[in-house]
Amino acid sequence: MLNLEKNQMPRKKIALLRGAKHSSVEMLTYAPLAKDFDIETILSKPHKTDLSEIPEGIVIKEYLSPATTLEKVGFDLQYLVGAEKKLQKYDLVHSFELANMATLQAVKAKKLNPKLKVTATVWENIPFNHEKYKLQRKMKSEAIQFVDHFLAITERAKFALEVEGVDPEKISIVPVGIDTDKFSSQPKDQALMNELGLKESDRVLLTIARAVWEKGVWDLLIGSKEAIKKFPDLKVVVVGKGPLAESYRALAKRLRIEKNVVFVDFVTYANIPKLYNLADIFALLSIPIPTWQEQFGRVLVEAMAARNIVITTLTGSIPEVVQDGALLIPPADPYMFSKTLVSVLNEAIDTSVLKEKARKVAEDNFKFADCSDKIKAIFNKVLHDSS
């Protein structure tokens, strides 16, 4: 008899370079790949990651890095000490973005070991962004030349890559995946309602966003004032922390809507689906700024999967993500948000049809399994490409 164990091909080793930018939520898309590859996620040391949230099957490696320390003073330098040498032992290294020091280090490892394959996921959707410094331009140039394949999160990210000189044949579109079983219509969680001070009769407007200007929470609060006047049972739940958190609280008081607004700094990802199930309406009012426009908006997909009525802005990659599953308004326009919100609450819009469209968009385009399968196919193709 054949000794199958001896004749089996060794499993390919893959490194995911995340440094200080690690997201346990993001890793859920890569976790299924552990069935076929030896997956290691490389974090910066020190880091801010809760290692208990790492999905099963993914091994953690830590490389010394100044990244976390420099982030505190405003520098985003994803440098991993000694990575060029250490990465040579892998079959494939997967990094993120063009203007990323870790991507440059993966390319340098490839130059030392020509058999090494390098891929990179790209969220950036503004062509020629992040080119203020010569080093940034060098990182991009090296990545464009030596990365074997790019995984663009959206069509807009693919467009940006092509404009900057990447061969379209080296780009595949792989969106962010979600668990459409967890993010679905479920009964309201009474304990969470009590914790947030919500009643069964309340109508709930939810937003989940970092407390920064470009996420549009300022506009959401201003636009909610008129709706609260007309519908006193409307409660606005704002989830997220950041530098503007206190100013949002002050604005709610100035607008005299503080009794109708609930601020929540943090909710574990395991409990996020419960929030969507409390909500009737979800809003993400992103505003473009010179160096950023909404690159995807995972919360939009989660909200659509949960059959929320979604109101969002016509900016960045949002329109291609939500398709016909959301109501789109101009960015930085609290007046139009107010009008749209009141229309929804007045039932001037057929919300039942919109909810089903939203769910369909999420199921058809953003399932974890589908996104993981796309990544697996790309990795296999790159690994077996001898060119």
Protein backbone atom coordinates (compact mmCIF):
# COMPACT_ATOMS: atom_id res chain seq x y z
CA MET A 1 0.00 0.00 0.00
CA LEU A 2 1.06 3.54 -0.64
CA ASN A 3 2.12 5.56 2.36
CA LEU A 4 -0.23 8.51 1.81
CA GLU A 5 1.37 10.59 4.55
CA LYS A 6 4.78 10.40 2.85
CA ASN A 7 3.33 11.23 -0.55
CA GLN A 8 1.27 14.19 0.56
CA MET A 9 2.53 17.58 -0.50
CA PRO A 10 3.71 19.71 2.43
CA ARG A 11 1.27 22.43 3.43
CA LYS A 12 2.18 25.90 2.23
CA LYS A 13 3.13 28.44 4.87
CA ILE A 14 1.43 31.83 4.66
CA ALA A 15 2.18 34.94 6.69
CA LEU A 16 -0.39 37.70 7.16
CA LEU A 17 1.48 40.93 7.88
CA ARG A 18 -0.80 43.06 10.04
CA GLY A 19 1.57 44.75 12.49
CA ALA A 20 -0.23 47.33 14.60
CA LYS A 21 -3.21 47.33 12.21
CA HIS A 22 -4.48 43.91 13.26
CA SER A 23 -8.23 43.36 13.43
CA SER A 24 -9.63 40.17 14.91
CA VAL A 25 -12.81 40.79 12.91
CA GLU A 26 -10.80 40.88 9.69
CA MET A 27 -9.10 37.63 10.60
CA LEU A 28 -12.45 35.81 10.54
CA THR A 29 -12.25 35.87 6.74
CA TYR A 30 -8.83 34.18 6.80
CA ALA A 31 -9.61 31.60 9.50
CA PRO A 32 -11.20 29.05 7.08
CA LEU A 33 -7.94 29.04 5.09
CA ALA A 34 -6.25 27.27 8.01
CA LYS A 35 -7.77 24.03 6.68
CA ASP A 36 -5.55 24.26 3.61
CA PHE A 37 -2.55 26.36 4.66
CA ASP A 38 -0.42 26.98 7.73
CA ILE A 39 -1.51 30.53 8.55
CA GLU A 40 0.48 32.83 10.82
CA THR A 41 -0.56 36.39 11.63
CA ILE A 42 2.39 38.65 12.32
CA LEU A 43 1.72 41.41 14.84
CA SER A 44 3.93 44.23 16.00
CA LYS A 45 5.40 43.96 19.47
CA PRO A 46 4.20 45.77 21.52
CA HIS A 47 0.64 45.72 20.21
CA LYS A 48 -2.89 46.58 21.35
CA THR A 49 -4.51 43.37 20.15
CA ASP A 50 -6.63 41.20 22.44
CA LEU A 51 -5.14 37.81 21.52
CA SER A 52 -8.14 35.99 23.01
CA GLU A 53 -10.17 37.22 20.02
CA ILE A 54 -7.89 35.62 17.41
CA PRO A 55 -9.90 33.01 15.45
CA GLU A 56 -9.05 29.35 15.98
CA GLY A 57 -6.53 27.94 13.53
CA ILE A 58 -4.43 31.09 13.13
CA VAL A 59 -1.02 31.16 14.82
CA ILE A 60 0.31 34.45 16.18
CA LYS A 61 3.87 35.64 15.67
CA GLU A 62 5.19 38.87 17.14
CA TYR A 63 7.97 40.96 15.59
CA LEU A 64 9.48 43.89 17.44
CA SER A 65 8.21 47.16 16.00
CA PRO A 66 8.00 50.88 16.82
CA ALA A 67 4.57 51.01 15.12
CA THR A 68 2.33 51.08 18.21
CA THR A 69 4.54 53.62 20.00
CA LEU A 70 4.77 55.90 16.95
CA GLU A 71 1.00 55.77 16.43
CA LYS A 72 0.58 57.55 19.76
CA VAL A 73 2.43 60.58 18.39
CA GLY A 74 0.75 60.57 15.00
CA PHE A 75 3.13 58.48 12.84
CA ASP A 76 1.89 55.45 10.91
CA LEU A 77 5.05 53.43 10.31
CA GLN A 78 4.25 49.72 10.00
CA TYR A 79 7.88 48.60 10.29
CA LEU A 80 8.66 45.11 11.63
CA VAL A 81 12.23 44.65 12.86
CA GLY A 82 14.09 41.94 10.92
CA ALA A 83 11.07 41.05 8.78
CA GLU A 84 13.07 40.89 5.53
CA LYS A 85 15.05 37.91 6.79
CA LYS A 86 12.31 36.19 8.78
CA LEU A 87 9.76 36.26 5.96
CA GLN A 88 11.94 34.23 3.63
CA LYS A 89 10.85 30.97 5.29
CA TYR A 90 7.24 31.37 4.09
CA ASP A 91 5.79 30.34 0.74
CA LEU A 92 3.54 33.40 0.53
CA VAL A 93 3.41 36.67 2.43
CA HIS A 94 0.19 38.65 2.40
CA SER A 95 0.42 42.31 3.28
CA PHE A 96 -1.90 45.31 3.05
CA GLU A 97 -1.77 48.51 0.98
CA LEU A 98 0.86 49.95 -1.35
CA ALA A 99 2.20 52.71 0.90
CA ASN A 100 3.03 50.37 3.75
CA MET A 101 6.48 49.67 5.15
CA ALA A 102 5.51 46.06 5.88
CA THR A 103 4.64 45.57 2.20
CA LEU A 104 8.05 46.96 1.25
CA GLN A 105 9.67 44.53 3.69
CA ALA A 106 7.78 41.63 2.09
CA VAL A 107 9.07 42.76 -1.31
CA LYS A 108 12.62 42.89 0.07
CA ALA A 109 12.21 39.34 1.39
CA LYS A 110 11.08 38.29 -2.09
CA LYS A 111 14.25 39.77 -3.57
CA LEU A 112 16.30 37.70 -1.11
CA ASN A 113 14.23 34.58 -1.87
CA PRO A 114 12.83 34.73 -5.44
CA LYS A 115 10.60 31.72 -4.74
CA LEU A 116 8.61 33.72 -2.21
CA LYS A 117 5.23 34.99 -3.41
CA VAL A 118 3.79 38.29 -2.19
CA THR A 119 0.16 39.41 -2.30
CA ALA A 120 -1.52 42.46 -0.82
CA THR A 121 -5.04 43.56 0.03
CA VAL A 122 -5.77 47.18 -0.91
CA TRP A 123 -8.49 49.33 0.64
CA GLU A 124 -7.14 52.66 -0.62
CA ASN A 125 -9.49 54.15 -3.21
CA ILE A 126 -7.90 57.56 -3.86
CA PRO A 127 -5.29 57.41 -6.67
CA PHE A 128 -1.83 58.78 -5.75
CA ASN A 129 -2.83 59.22 -2.11
CA HIS A 130 -0.14 59.15 0.61
CA GLU A 131 2.74 60.37 -1.54
CA LYS A 132 3.88 63.33 0.53
CA TYR A 133 7.23 61.73 1.34
CA LYS A 134 9.82 60.12 -0.92
CA LEU A 135 9.70 56.90 1.14
CA GLN A 136 5.96 56.57 0.47
CA ARG A 137 6.52 56.90 -3.27
CA LYS A 138 9.31 54.31 -3.09
CA MET A 139 7.08 51.86 -1.20
CA LYS A 140 4.38 52.19 -3.84
CA SER A 141 6.78 51.83 -6.74
CA GLU A 142 8.34 48.66 -5.29
CA ALA A 143 4.93 47.15 -4.50
CA ILE A 144 3.59 47.84 -7.99
CA GLN A 145 6.63 46.18 -9.53
CA PHE A 146 7.12 43.14 -7.27
CA VAL A 147 3.82 42.18 -5.61
CA ASP A 148 2.47 39.12 -7.42
CA HIS A 149 -1.21 39.85 -6.97
CA PHE A 150 -3.45 42.50 -5.42
CA LEU A 151 -6.79 41.89 -3.71
CA ALA A 152 -8.82 45.09 -4.11
CA ILE A 153 -11.64 45.50 -1.62
CA THR A 154 -13.82 47.38 -4.13
CA GLU A 155 -14.02 48.37 -7.79
CA ARG A 156 -12.93 51.85 -6.75
CA ALA A 157 -9.80 50.44 -5.09
CA LYS A 158 -9.09 48.46 -8.28
CA PHE A 159 -9.48 51.66 -10.28
CA ALA A 160 -6.96 53.44 -8.03
CA LEU A 161 -4.46 50.59 -8.47
CA GLU A 162 -4.81 50.65 -12.25
CA VAL A 163 -4.40 54.44 -12.39
CA GLU A 164 -1.16 54.09 -10.41
CA GLY A 165 0.20 51.56 -12.90
CA VAL A 166 -0.78 48.08 -11.69
CA ASP A 167 -1.49 45.56 -14.44
CA PRO A 168 -5.26 44.80 -14.32
CA GLU A 169 -4.41 41.09 -14.70
CA LYS A 170 -2.73 41.29 -11.30
CA ILE A 171 -5.87 42.57 -9.53
CA SER A 172 -8.85 40.64 -8.18
CA ILE A 173 -11.80 42.14 -6.31
CA VAL A 174 -12.37 40.48 -2.93
CA PRO A 175 -14.74 42.37 -0.61
CA VAL A 176 -14.95 42.15 3.16
CA GLY A 177 -16.99 39.20 4.37
CA ILE A 178 -19.47 38.96 7.23
CA ASP A 179 -21.33 36.14 8.95
CA THR A 180 -24.80 36.50 7.43
CA ASP A 181 -26.18 33.97 9.92
CA LYS A 182 -25.12 36.04 12.93
CA PHE A 183 -26.08 39.29 11.24
CA SER A 184 -29.73 38.57 10.52
CA SER A 185 -33.18 39.46 11.83
CA GLN A 186 -33.44 38.22 15.43
CA PRO A 187 -35.65 39.08 18.43
CA LYS A 188 -34.60 42.11 20.47
CA ASP A 189 -32.31 41.40 23.38
CA GLN A 190 -34.23 42.60 26.44
CA ALA A 191 -31.15 42.81 28.68
CA LEU A 192 -29.39 45.08 26.17
CA MET A 193 -32.52 47.23 25.83
CA ASN A 194 -32.59 47.67 29.60
CA GLU A 195 -28.88 48.50 29.65
CA LEU A 196 -29.36 51.21 27.03
CA GLY A 197 -32.57 52.54 28.61
CA LEU A 198 -34.72 51.65 25.59
CA LYS A 199 -38.42 50.74 25.64
CA GLU A 200 -40.20 48.29 23.38
CA SER A 201 -42.18 51.16 21.88
CA ASP A 202 -39.07 53.21 20.98
CA ARG A 203 -37.99 53.59 17.40
CA VAL A 204 -34.22 53.30 17.24
CA LEU A 205 -31.72 55.03 14.96
CA LEU A 206 -28.29 53.44 15.26
CA THR A 207 -24.85 54.48 14.10
CA ILE A 208 -21.57 52.65 14.75
CA ALA A 209 -18.57 54.81 13.89
CA ARG A 210 -15.31 56.18 15.22
CA ALA A 211 -15.78 59.58 16.81
CA VAL A 212 -13.97 61.49 14.05
CA TRP A 213 -15.27 64.23 11.77
CA GLU A 214 -15.30 62.20 8.56
CA LYS A 215 -17.75 59.63 9.98
CA GLY A 216 -20.52 62.23 10.00
CA VAL A 217 -21.91 61.76 13.52
CA TRP A 218 -22.09 65.57 13.91
CA ASP A 219 -24.43 65.69 10.91
CA LEU A 220 -26.44 62.75 12.21
CA LEU A 221 -27.15 64.50 15.51
CA ILE A 222 -28.10 67.78 13.83
CA GLY A 223 -30.32 65.98 11.34
CA SER A 224 -32.03 63.99 14.09
CA LYS A 225 -33.34 67.06 15.93
CA GLU A 226 -36.34 67.67 13.67
CA ALA A 227 -37.21 63.97 13.59
CA ILE A 228 -37.17 63.81 17.41
CA LYS A 229 -39.53 66.81 17.52
CA LYS A 230 -42.02 65.00 15.31
CA PHE A 231 -41.40 61.54 16.77
CA PRO A 232 -40.58 61.80 20.50
CA ASP A 233 -40.26 58.02 20.66
CA LEU A 234 -37.17 58.15 18.40
CA LYS A 235 -33.99 57.15 20.24
CA VAL A 236 -30.56 57.69 18.70
CA VAL A 237 -27.87 55.20 19.73
CA VAL A 238 -24.32 56.34 18.93
CA VAL A 239 -21.65 53.65 19.32
CA GLY A 240 -17.97 54.52 19.01
CA LYS A 241 -15.11 56.28 20.72
CA GLY A 242 -12.57 58.79 19.49
CA PRO A 243 -11.36 62.38 19.81
CA LEU A 244 -14.77 63.97 19.14
CA ALA A 245 -16.80 61.83 21.56
CA GLU A 246 -17.17 64.56 24.16
CA SER A 247 -18.07 67.18 21.55
CA TYR A 248 -20.91 64.91 20.37
CA ARG A 249 -22.31 64.83 23.89
CA ALA A 250 -22.04 68.60 24.12
CA LEU A 251 -23.79 68.97 20.75
CA ALA A 252 -26.68 66.75 21.85
CA LYS A 253 -27.18 69.02 24.88
CA ARG A 254 -26.98 72.14 22.75
CA LEU A 255 -29.61 70.69 20.41
CA ARG A 256 -31.70 69.76 23.48
CA ILE A 257 -32.01 66.15 22.34
CA GLU A 258 -29.76 64.59 24.99
CA LYS A 259 -32.68 62.68 26.53
CA ASN A 260 -33.20 60.92 23.21
CA VAL A 261 -29.53 60.11 22.55
CA VAL A 262 -27.64 57.17 24.04
CA PHE A 263 -23.84 57.21 23.74
CA VAL A 264 -21.96 53.92 23.96
CA ASP A 265 -18.15 53.91 23.87
CA PHE A 266 -17.55 50.25 23.14
CA VAL A 267 -19.42 47.02 22.40
CA THR A 268 -17.67 43.68 21.87
CA TYR A 269 -17.99 42.36 18.33
CA ALA A 270 -19.88 39.34 19.65
CA ASN A 271 -22.62 41.70 20.85
CA ILE A 272 -22.77 43.92 17.77
CA PRO A 273 -25.48 41.79 16.06
CA LYS A 274 -27.74 42.47 19.07
CA LEU A 275 -27.43 46.21 18.42
CA TYR A 276 -28.63 45.91 14.84
CA ASN A 277 -31.59 43.87 16.06
CA LEU A 278 -32.61 46.73 18.35
CA ALA A 279 -32.43 49.21 15.48
CA ASP A 280 -35.09 50.20 12.99
CA ILE A 281 -32.78 52.50 11.05
CA PHE A 282 -29.00 52.47 10.64
CA ALA A 283 -27.06 55.51 9.41
CA LEU A 284 -23.45 56.02 8.37
CA LEU A 285 -23.02 59.59 7.10
CA SER A 286 -19.41 59.47 5.88
CA ILE A 287 -17.81 62.70 4.64
CA PRO A 288 -14.86 62.68 2.21
CA ILE A 289 -11.71 64.55 3.24
CA PRO A 290 -8.60 65.20 1.06
CA THR A 291 -6.76 62.07 2.21
CA TRP A 292 -9.69 59.70 2.82
CA GLN A 293 -13.07 58.67 1.55
CA GLU A 294 -15.10 55.72 2.80
CA GLN A 295 -13.24 52.64 1.63
CA PHE A 296 -15.91 50.05 2.31
CA GLY A 297 -18.13 50.45 5.38
CA ARG A 298 -18.44 46.97 6.91
CA VAL A 299 -21.13 48.24 9.29
CA LEU A 300 -23.31 49.01 6.28
CA VAL A 301 -23.19 45.38 5.16
CA GLU A 302 -23.88 44.15 8.69
CA ALA A 303 -26.86 46.48 9.02
CA MET A 304 -28.24 45.43 5.64
CA ALA A 305 -27.87 41.76 6.58
CA ALA A 306 -29.90 42.49 9.75
CA ARG A 307 -32.62 44.10 7.57
CA ASN A 308 -32.15 47.61 8.98
CA ILE A 309 -33.32 50.56 6.90
CA VAL A 310 -29.93 52.00 5.93
CA ILE A 311 -29.34 55.69 5.23
CA THR A 312 -25.85 56.55 4.04
CA THR A 313 -23.93 58.98 1.86
CA LEU A 314 -22.99 59.10 -1.79
CA THR A 315 -19.24 59.07 -1.30
CA GLY A 316 -16.23 56.81 -1.76
CA SER A 317 -16.98 53.12 -2.23
CA ILE A 318 -20.34 53.25 -0.44
CA PRO A 319 -22.62 53.21 -3.53
CA GLU A 320 -21.06 50.05 -4.95
CA VAL A 321 -21.19 48.33 -1.55
CA VAL A 322 -24.85 49.08 -0.71
CA GLN A 323 -26.13 48.87 -4.32
CA ASP A 324 -29.94 49.14 -4.12
CA GLY A 325 -30.09 48.12 -0.47
CA ALA A 326 -29.86 51.60 1.09
CA LEU A 327 -31.04 55.19 0.83
CA LEU A 328 -28.26 57.47 -0.44
CA ILE A 329 -27.97 61.17 0.36
CA PRO A 330 -25.22 63.77 -0.28
CA PRO A 331 -22.38 63.85 2.26
CA ALA A 332 -22.10 66.69 4.78
CA ASP A 333 -25.81 67.46 4.38
CA PRO A 334 -27.70 67.19 7.69
CA TYR A 335 -30.72 68.85 6.03
CA MET A 336 -31.13 65.99 3.54
CA PHE A 337 -30.53 63.46 6.29
CA SER A 338 -33.30 65.07 8.34
CA LYS A 339 -35.71 64.98 5.37
CA THR A 340 -34.89 61.34 4.58
CA LEU A 341 -35.15 60.25 8.23
CA VAL A 342 -38.56 61.89 8.61
CA SER A 343 -39.75 60.26 5.38
CA VAL A 344 -38.77 56.85 6.70
CA LEU A 345 -40.46 57.46 10.06
CA ASN A 346 -43.57 58.74 8.27
CA GLU A 347 -43.59 55.50 6.26
CA ALA A 348 -43.48 57.53 3.06
CA ILE A 349 -40.98 54.95 1.78
CA ASP A 350 -41.82 51.27 1.27
CA THR A 351 -39.44 50.04 3.93
CA SER A 352 -40.45 46.37 3.69
CA VAL A 353 -39.15 46.17 0.12
CA LEU A 354 -35.94 48.03 1.03
CA LYS A 355 -35.26 45.67 3.94
CA GLU A 356 -35.44 42.62 1.69
CA LYS A 357 -33.25 44.28 -0.95
CA ALA A 358 -30.71 45.05 1.76
CA ARG A 359 -30.66 41.47 2.99
CA LYS A 360 -30.26 40.16 -0.56
CA VAL A 361 -27.30 42.45 -1.27
CA ALA A 362 -25.55 41.20 1.86
CA GLU A 363 -26.24 37.53 1.14
CA ASP A 364 -25.33 37.69 -2.54
CA ASN A 365 -22.05 39.59 -2.17
CA PHE A 366 -20.54 39.51 1.31
CA LYS A 367 -20.76 36.04 2.87
CA PHE A 368 -17.65 34.98 4.80
CA ALA A 369 -17.44 31.66 2.98
CA ASP A 370 -17.58 33.24 -0.48
CA CYS A 371 -14.88 35.79 0.35
CA SER A 372 -12.66 33.13 1.95
CA ASP A 373 -13.05 30.92 -1.13
CA LYS A 374 -11.95 33.78 -3.38
CA ILE A 375 -8.85 34.39 -1.28
CA LYS A 376 -8.03 30.68 -1.23
CA ALA A 377 -8.29 30.48 -5.03
CA ILE A 378 -6.01 33.50 -5.45
CA PHE A 379 -3.42 32.17 -3.01
CA ASN A 380 -3.40 28.78 -4.76
CA LYS A 381 -3.03 30.37 -8.18
CA VAL A 382 -0.18 32.62 -7.07
CA LEU A 383 1.58 29.76 -5.27
CA HIS A 384 1.46 27.54 -8.34
CA ASP A 385 2.32 30.24 -10.84
CA SER A 386 5.90 29.60 -11.97
CA SER A 387 6.19 32.80 -13.96
